[in-house]
Amino acid sequence: MKLRAHNLLCIQGFRGKGYDDAFVENMTRVVEALRKNPEQQVTVIAEPDDLCAACPNLKGDAGCELHGKGTEKGIVSQDEDVARRIGVSIRTAMSWTELEARVRQSIAPDDLDDICGRCPWLPLGYCKEGLAVPRRGKSDTPGEFGRAVD
């Protein structure tokens, strides 16, 4: 599996919501796969990944256009920042267990204000809440991994 470094943070707060149904279904599949197989090898990257594959903001070779043309460059910088903070190099592969432990040891919920800046999901607080809840085991994960009900 390949994941952008910043998406390691997004996974922490996933609540079954997203940009559209296809995105939510894909993210649910990825998150559930990681929870069911925590020894899954994940390669940390700074380019569109397995989660981005179903994102309506992914525009081919231009990459992410969440905030319009040129967004990808800022997202790559964000990925590099997250990788540095958790002590991994881009293209490093390790188990999901190890990556999640590094995220939780290196990034506090309030760090997301600096890291995630313009992310439209940041004001909802899901990722901060997800980081704040200690993981006790693969079955004790917060949030809902299906379609959330408001």
C-alpha atoms as a PDB file:
ATOM      1  CA  MET A   1       0.000   0.000   0.000  1.00  0.00           C
ATOM      2  CA  LYS A   2       1.179   3.538  -0.739  1.00  0.00           C
ATOM      3  CA  LEU A   3       0.083   6.493   1.389  1.00  0.00           C
ATOM      4  CA  ARG A   4       0.949  10.167   1.262  1.00  0.00           C
ATOM      5  CA  ALA A   5       2.607  11.206   4.511  1.00  0.00           C
ATOM      6  CA  HIS A   6      -0.174  13.676   5.353  1.00  0.00           C
ATOM      7  CA  ASN A   7      -2.809  10.979   4.791  1.00  0.00           C
ATOM      8  CA  LEU A   8      -1.328   9.119   7.765  1.00  0.00           C
ATOM      9  CA  LEU A   9      -2.915  11.941   9.775  1.00  0.00           C
ATOM     10  CA  CYS A  10      -6.211  11.918   7.880  1.00  0.00           C
ATOM     11  CA  ILE A  11      -6.692   8.239   8.659  1.00  0.00           C
ATOM     12  CA  GLN A  12      -6.552   8.979  12.398  1.00  0.00           C
ATOM     13  CA  GLY A  13      -9.773  10.970  12.268  1.00  0.00           C
ATOM     14  CA  PHE A  14     -11.712   9.272   9.491  1.00  0.00           C
ATOM     15  CA  ARG A  15     -15.426   9.198  10.337  1.00  0.00           C
ATOM     16  CA  GLY A  16     -16.928   7.774   7.166  1.00  0.00           C
ATOM     17  CA  LYS A  17     -17.276  11.173   5.529  1.00  0.00           C
ATOM     18  CA  GLY A  18     -15.536  12.526   2.479  1.00  0.00           C
ATOM     19  CA  TYR A  19     -15.686  14.420  -0.766  1.00  0.00           C
ATOM     20  CA  ASP A  20     -18.145  12.013  -2.416  1.00  0.00           C
ATOM     21  CA  ASP A  21     -19.411   8.422  -2.152  1.00  0.00           C
ATOM     22  CA  ALA A  22     -16.578   6.935  -4.236  1.00  0.00           C
ATOM     23  CA  PHE A  23     -13.977   8.642  -2.049  1.00  0.00           C
ATOM     24  CA  VAL A  24     -15.660   7.467   1.168  1.00  0.00           C
ATOM     25  CA  GLU A  25     -15.941   3.879  -0.094  1.00  0.00           C
ATOM     26  CA  ASN A  26     -12.265   3.824  -1.070  1.00  0.00           C
ATOM     27  CA  MET A  27     -11.072   5.407   2.166  1.00  0.00           C
ATOM     28  CA  THR A  28     -13.237   3.028   4.195  1.00  0.00           C
ATOM     29  CA  ARG A  29     -11.700   0.081   2.342  1.00  0.00           C
ATOM     30  CA  VAL A  30      -8.140   1.338   2.954  1.00  0.00           C
ATOM     31  CA  VAL A  31      -8.715   2.188   6.631  1.00  0.00           C
ATOM     32  CA  GLU A  32     -10.419  -1.143   7.341  1.00  0.00           C
ATOM     33  CA  ALA A  33      -7.593  -3.014   5.590  1.00  0.00           C
ATOM     34  CA  LEU A  34      -5.044  -1.288   7.841  1.00  0.00           C
ATOM     35  CA  ARG A  35      -7.059  -1.990  10.984  1.00  0.00           C
ATOM     36  CA  LYS A  36      -7.540  -5.657  10.083  1.00  0.00           C
ATOM     37  CA  ASN A  37      -3.914  -6.154   9.084  1.00  0.00           C
ATOM     38  CA  PRO A  38      -1.769  -3.788  11.172  1.00  0.00           C
ATOM     39  CA  GLU A  39       1.409  -5.431   9.855  1.00  0.00           C
ATOM     40  CA  GLN A  40       0.496  -4.310   6.320  1.00  0.00           C
ATOM     41  CA  GLN A  41       3.538  -2.712   4.716  1.00  0.00           C
ATOM     42  CA  VAL A  42       2.937   0.920   3.781  1.00  0.00           C
ATOM     43  CA  THR A  43       5.240   3.000   1.622  1.00  0.00           C
ATOM     44  CA  VAL A  44       5.221   6.678   2.604  1.00  0.00           C
ATOM     45  CA  ILE A  45       5.102   8.886  -0.474  1.00  0.00           C
ATOM     46  CA  ALA A  46       4.717  12.549  -1.440  1.00  0.00           C
ATOM     47  CA  GLU A  47       2.465  12.142  -4.461  1.00  0.00           C
ATOM     48  CA  PRO A  48      -1.071  10.891  -5.125  1.00  0.00           C
ATOM     49  CA  ASP A  49      -1.618   7.600  -3.294  1.00  0.00           C
ATOM     50  CA  ASP A  50      -4.134   4.800  -2.760  1.00  0.00           C
ATOM     51  CA  LEU A  51      -6.531   7.212  -0.994  1.00  0.00           C
ATOM     52  CA  CYS A  52      -6.186   9.920  -3.641  1.00  0.00           C
ATOM     53  CA  ALA A  53      -7.070   7.425  -6.377  1.00  0.00           C
ATOM     54  CA  ALA A  54     -10.798   7.989  -5.759  1.00  0.00           C
ATOM     55  CA  CYS A  55     -10.638  11.693  -4.844  1.00  0.00           C
ATOM     56  CA  PRO A  56     -12.566  14.070  -7.105  1.00  0.00           C
ATOM     57  CA  ASN A  57      -9.842  16.691  -6.515  1.00  0.00           C
ATOM     58  CA  LEU A  58      -7.187  14.528  -8.221  1.00  0.00           C
ATOM     59  CA  LYS A  59      -6.639  15.912 -11.709  1.00  0.00           C
ATOM     60  CA  GLY A  60      -4.354  13.503 -13.556  1.00  0.00           C
ATOM     61  CA  ASP A  61      -0.737  14.590 -13.872  1.00  0.00           C
ATOM     62  CA  ALA A  62      -1.546  17.902 -12.145  1.00  0.00           C
ATOM     63  CA  GLY A  63      -2.213  15.978  -8.924  1.00  0.00           C
ATOM     64  CA  CYS A  64      -4.332  17.513  -6.201  1.00  0.00           C
ATOM     65  CA  GLU A  65      -6.386  20.569  -7.090  1.00  0.00           C
ATOM     66  CA  LEU A  66      -8.324  20.866  -3.817  1.00  0.00           C
ATOM     67  CA  HIS A  67      -7.545  24.593  -3.685  1.00  0.00           C
ATOM     68  CA  GLY A  68      -7.233  25.076  -7.455  1.00  0.00           C
ATOM     69  CA  LYS A  69      -4.368  24.682  -9.900  1.00  0.00           C
ATOM     70  CA  GLY A  70      -0.985  24.399  -8.240  1.00  0.00           C
ATOM     71  CA  THR A  71      -2.312  22.829  -5.021  1.00  0.00           C
ATOM     72  CA  GLU A  72      -0.163  19.706  -5.500  1.00  0.00           C
ATOM     73  CA  LYS A  73       3.059  21.620  -4.785  1.00  0.00           C
ATOM     74  CA  GLY A  74       1.781  22.645  -1.342  1.00  0.00           C
ATOM     75  CA  ILE A  75       0.513  19.138  -0.619  1.00  0.00           C
ATOM     76  CA  VAL A  76       3.952  17.719  -1.464  1.00  0.00           C
ATOM     77  CA  SER A  77       5.485  20.181   1.020  1.00  0.00           C
ATOM     78  CA  GLN A  78       2.938  19.070   3.605  1.00  0.00           C
ATOM     79  CA  ASP A  79       3.849  15.426   2.968  1.00  0.00           C
ATOM     80  CA  GLU A  80       7.538  16.210   3.387  1.00  0.00           C
ATOM     81  CA  ASP A  81       6.822  18.071   6.637  1.00  0.00           C
ATOM     82  CA  VAL A  82       4.823  15.161   8.085  1.00  0.00           C
ATOM     83  CA  ALA A  83       7.502  12.645   7.033  1.00  0.00           C
ATOM     84  CA  ARG A  84      10.182  14.759   8.736  1.00  0.00           C
ATOM     85  CA  ARG A  85       8.108  15.096  11.915  1.00  0.00           C
ATOM     86  CA  ILE A  86       7.595  11.340  12.201  1.00  0.00           C
ATOM     87  CA  GLY A  87      11.203  10.555  11.295  1.00  0.00           C
ATOM     88  CA  VAL A  88      10.819   8.759   7.984  1.00  0.00           C
ATOM     89  CA  SER A  89      12.099   9.460   4.508  1.00  0.00           C
ATOM     90  CA  ILE A  90       9.818   9.591   1.507  1.00  0.00           C
ATOM     91  CA  ARG A  91       9.679   6.124  -0.105  1.00  0.00           C
ATOM     92  CA  THR A  92      10.248   4.425   3.273  1.00  0.00           C
ATOM     93  CA  ALA A  93       8.197   1.261   3.758  1.00  0.00           C
ATOM     94  CA  MET A  94       7.218  -0.071   7.168  1.00  0.00           C
ATOM     95  CA  SER A  95       4.268  -1.669   8.903  1.00  0.00           C
ATOM     96  CA  TRP A  96       1.116   0.299   9.586  1.00  0.00           C
ATOM     97  CA  THR A  97       1.666  -0.444  13.292  1.00  0.00           C
ATOM     98  CA  GLU A  98       5.048   1.283  13.217  1.00  0.00           C
ATOM     99  CA  LEU A  99       3.834   4.227  11.148  1.00  0.00           C
ATOM    100  CA  GLU A 100       0.822   4.828  13.361  1.00  0.00           C
ATOM    101  CA  ALA A 101       3.033   4.639  16.458  1.00  0.00           C
ATOM    102  CA  ARG A 102       5.383   7.227  14.949  1.00  0.00           C
ATOM    103  CA  VAL A 103       2.469   9.528  14.146  1.00  0.00           C
ATOM    104  CA  ARG A 104       1.075   9.253  17.665  1.00  0.00           C
ATOM    105  CA  GLN A 105       4.501   9.737  19.304  1.00  0.00           C
ATOM    106  CA  SER A 106       5.514  12.671  17.125  1.00  0.00           C
ATOM    107  CA  ILE A 107       2.375  14.666  16.401  1.00  0.00           C
ATOM    108  CA  ALA A 108       0.053  16.178  18.988  1.00  0.00           C
ATOM    109  CA  PRO A 109      -3.519  17.133  18.087  1.00  0.00           C
ATOM    110  CA  ASP A 110      -2.693  20.857  18.249  1.00  0.00           C
ATOM    111  CA  ASP A 111       0.185  20.371  15.762  1.00  0.00           C
ATOM    112  CA  LEU A 112      -2.461  19.897  13.082  1.00  0.00           C
ATOM    113  CA  ASP A 113      -3.196  23.633  13.099  1.00  0.00           C
ATOM    114  CA  ASP A 114       0.303  24.217  11.716  1.00  0.00           C
ATOM    115  CA  ILE A 115       0.538  21.107   9.542  1.00  0.00           C
ATOM    116  CA  CYS A 116      -2.903  21.075   7.943  1.00  0.00           C
ATOM    117  CA  GLY A 117      -3.470  24.798   7.417  1.00  0.00           C
ATOM    118  CA  ARG A 118      -6.095  25.142   4.692  1.00  0.00           C
ATOM    119  CA  CYS A 119      -7.564  21.639   4.913  1.00  0.00           C
ATOM    120  CA  PRO A 120     -11.357  21.898   4.842  1.00  0.00           C
ATOM    121  CA  TRP A 121     -11.608  19.001   7.316  1.00  0.00           C
ATOM    122  CA  LEU A 122      -9.439  20.635  10.007  1.00  0.00           C
ATOM    123  CA  PRO A 123     -12.210  22.883  11.433  1.00  0.00           C
ATOM    124  CA  LEU A 124     -14.413  19.810  12.011  1.00  0.00           C
ATOM    125  CA  GLY A 125     -11.911  18.517  14.587  1.00  0.00           C
ATOM    126  CA  TYR A 126     -12.102  14.863  13.544  1.00  0.00           C
ATOM    127  CA  CYS A 127      -8.370  14.397  13.052  1.00  0.00           C
ATOM    128  CA  LYS A 128      -7.506  16.106  16.332  1.00  0.00           C
ATOM    129  CA  GLU A 129     -10.027  13.906  18.121  1.00  0.00           C
ATOM    130  CA  GLY A 130      -8.648  10.805  16.402  1.00  0.00           C
ATOM    131  CA  LEU A 131      -5.091  11.629  17.461  1.00  0.00           C
ATOM    132  CA  ALA A 132      -6.224  12.314  21.018  1.00  0.00           C
ATOM    133  CA  VAL A 133      -7.795   8.871  21.500  1.00  0.00           C
ATOM    134  CA  PRO A 134      -5.186   6.263  22.463  1.00  0.00           C
ATOM    135  CA  ARG A 135      -5.201   3.102  20.387  1.00  0.00           C
ATOM    136  CA  ARG A 136      -5.721   0.047  22.565  1.00  0.00           C
ATOM    137  CA  GLY A 137      -5.914  -2.505  19.809  1.00  0.00           C
ATOM    138  CA  LYS A 138      -7.023  -2.928  16.261  1.00  0.00           C
ATOM    139  CA  SER A 139     -10.676  -3.417  17.239  1.00  0.00           C
ATOM    140  CA  ASP A 140     -10.824  -0.355  19.514  1.00  0.00           C
ATOM    141  CA  THR A 141     -10.778   2.348  16.863  1.00  0.00           C
ATOM    142  CA  PRO A 142     -12.836   5.512  17.209  1.00  0.00           C
ATOM    143  CA  GLY A 143     -15.110   6.783  14.516  1.00  0.00           C
ATOM    144  CA  GLU A 144     -17.322   5.037  12.059  1.00  0.00           C
ATOM    145  CA  PHE A 145     -15.891   3.350   9.000  1.00  0.00           C
ATOM    146  CA  GLY A 146     -19.099   3.372   6.992  1.00  0.00           C
ATOM    147  CA  ARG A 147     -21.346   6.191   5.931  1.00  0.00           C
ATOM    148  CA  ALA A 148     -21.698   8.527   8.904  1.00  0.00           C
ATOM    149  CA  VAL A 149     -25.094   9.750   9.968  1.00  0.00           C
ATOM    150  CA  ASP A 150     -25.325  13.430  10.901  1.00  0.00           C
END
